[in-house]
Amino acid sequence: MNTIKTIWGCDMEEVFKYDDNETYEANFSTWFSMNTQERRLHKEEPYSEQIAKRVFNEMHGRKALHNVEDQISKFFIKEGESG
């Protein structure tokens, strides 16, 4: 989910907030789009997707691990239920 904040009466700017209900990839896609728009607005070169993934992983990489752990635990619960 994205939130809006105002800093000292400046224009309102969207701020990325990691959504734990979405996948890591969906969060990356949202962040990458927002970051690209922000960089263009400030006349900066947008990140390539490869660089953007590195930056996002530095900020949120631990979330990817939690996502994998959740998927593994769901798999084992399903396996245990069926047999």
Protein backbone atom coordinates (compact mmCIF):
# COMPACT_ATOMS: atom_id res chain seq x y z
CA MET A 1 0.00 0.00 0.00
CA ASN A 2 1.28 3.46 -0.83
CA THR A 3 0.90 6.37 1.53
CA ILE A 4 1.06 10.10 0.98
CA LYS A 5 3.19 12.39 3.09
CA THR A 6 3.84 16.11 3.11
CA ILE A 7 7.19 17.47 4.20
CA TRP A 8 7.12 21.07 5.44
CA GLY A 9 4.36 22.16 3.11
CA CYS A 10 6.09 20.82 -0.02
CA ASP A 11 4.16 19.06 -2.74
CA MET A 12 2.70 15.75 -1.69
CA GLU A 13 4.80 12.78 -2.74
CA GLU A 14 3.96 9.08 -2.78
CA VAL A 15 6.08 6.96 -0.47
CA PHE A 16 6.56 3.25 -1.10
CA LYS A 17 5.49 1.00 1.76
CA TYR A 18 6.20 -2.72 1.49
CA ASP A 19 2.93 -4.67 1.40
CA ASP A 20 3.32 -7.97 3.23
CA ASN A 21 0.11 -9.22 1.60
CA GLU A 22 1.72 -9.03 -1.85
CA THR A 23 4.58 -11.08 -3.28
CA TYR A 24 8.15 -9.84 -3.20
CA GLU A 25 8.01 -9.52 -7.00
CA ALA A 26 4.80 -7.45 -6.89
CA ASN A 27 6.35 -5.14 -4.31
CA PHE A 28 9.47 -4.78 -6.46
CA SER A 29 7.35 -3.92 -9.49
CA THR A 30 5.47 -1.23 -7.57
CA TRP A 31 8.66 0.21 -6.08
CA PHE A 32 10.49 0.15 -9.43
CA SER A 33 7.67 2.02 -11.15
CA MET A 34 7.48 4.63 -8.38
CA ASN A 35 11.26 5.01 -8.25
CA THR A 36 11.49 5.45 -12.02
CA GLN A 37 8.82 8.17 -11.97
CA GLU A 38 10.54 9.95 -9.09
CA ARG A 39 13.96 9.84 -10.75
CA ARG A 40 12.54 11.22 -14.01
CA LEU A 41 10.70 13.96 -12.11
CA HIS A 42 14.02 15.03 -10.57
CA LYS A 43 15.78 14.85 -13.97
CA GLU A 44 17.81 11.80 -12.89
CA GLU A 45 18.59 8.72 -14.95
CA PRO A 46 16.23 5.88 -13.94
CA TYR A 47 17.82 2.67 -12.69
CA SER A 48 18.12 -0.24 -15.06
CA GLU A 49 16.07 -3.21 -13.87
CA GLN A 50 19.25 -5.01 -12.80
CA ILE A 51 20.47 -2.09 -10.66
CA ALA A 52 16.95 -1.52 -9.32
CA LYS A 53 16.79 -5.15 -8.15
CA ARG A 54 20.08 -4.72 -6.29
CA VAL A 55 18.86 -1.54 -4.59
CA PHE A 56 15.49 -3.11 -3.70
CA ASN A 57 17.21 -6.25 -2.36
CA GLU A 58 19.43 -4.11 -0.14
CA MET A 59 16.33 -2.47 1.33
CA HIS A 60 13.90 -5.42 1.42
CA GLY A 61 15.87 -8.62 0.80
CA ARG A 62 14.88 -10.09 4.16
CA LYS A 63 11.26 -9.98 2.98
CA ALA A 64 12.14 -12.34 0.13
CA LEU A 65 13.45 -14.85 2.67
CA HIS A 66 10.23 -14.64 4.67
CA ASN A 67 8.25 -15.16 1.46
CA VAL A 68 10.23 -18.34 0.68
CA GLU A 69 9.83 -19.60 4.25
CA ASP A 70 6.06 -19.06 4.04
CA GLN A 71 5.86 -20.97 0.74
CA ILE A 72 7.93 -23.88 2.13
CA SER A 73 5.83 -24.14 5.28
CA LYS A 74 2.61 -24.09 3.21
CA PHE A 75 4.02 -26.88 1.04
CA PHE A 76 4.81 -29.08 4.04
CA ILE A 77 1.43 -28.44 5.64
CA LYS A 78 -0.28 -29.53 2.40
CA GLU A 79 1.94 -32.62 2.14
CA GLY A 80 1.18 -33.57 5.75
CA GLU A 81 -2.55 -33.16 5.28
CA SER A 82 -2.70 -35.44 2.25
CA GLY A 83 -1.03 -38.33 3.67
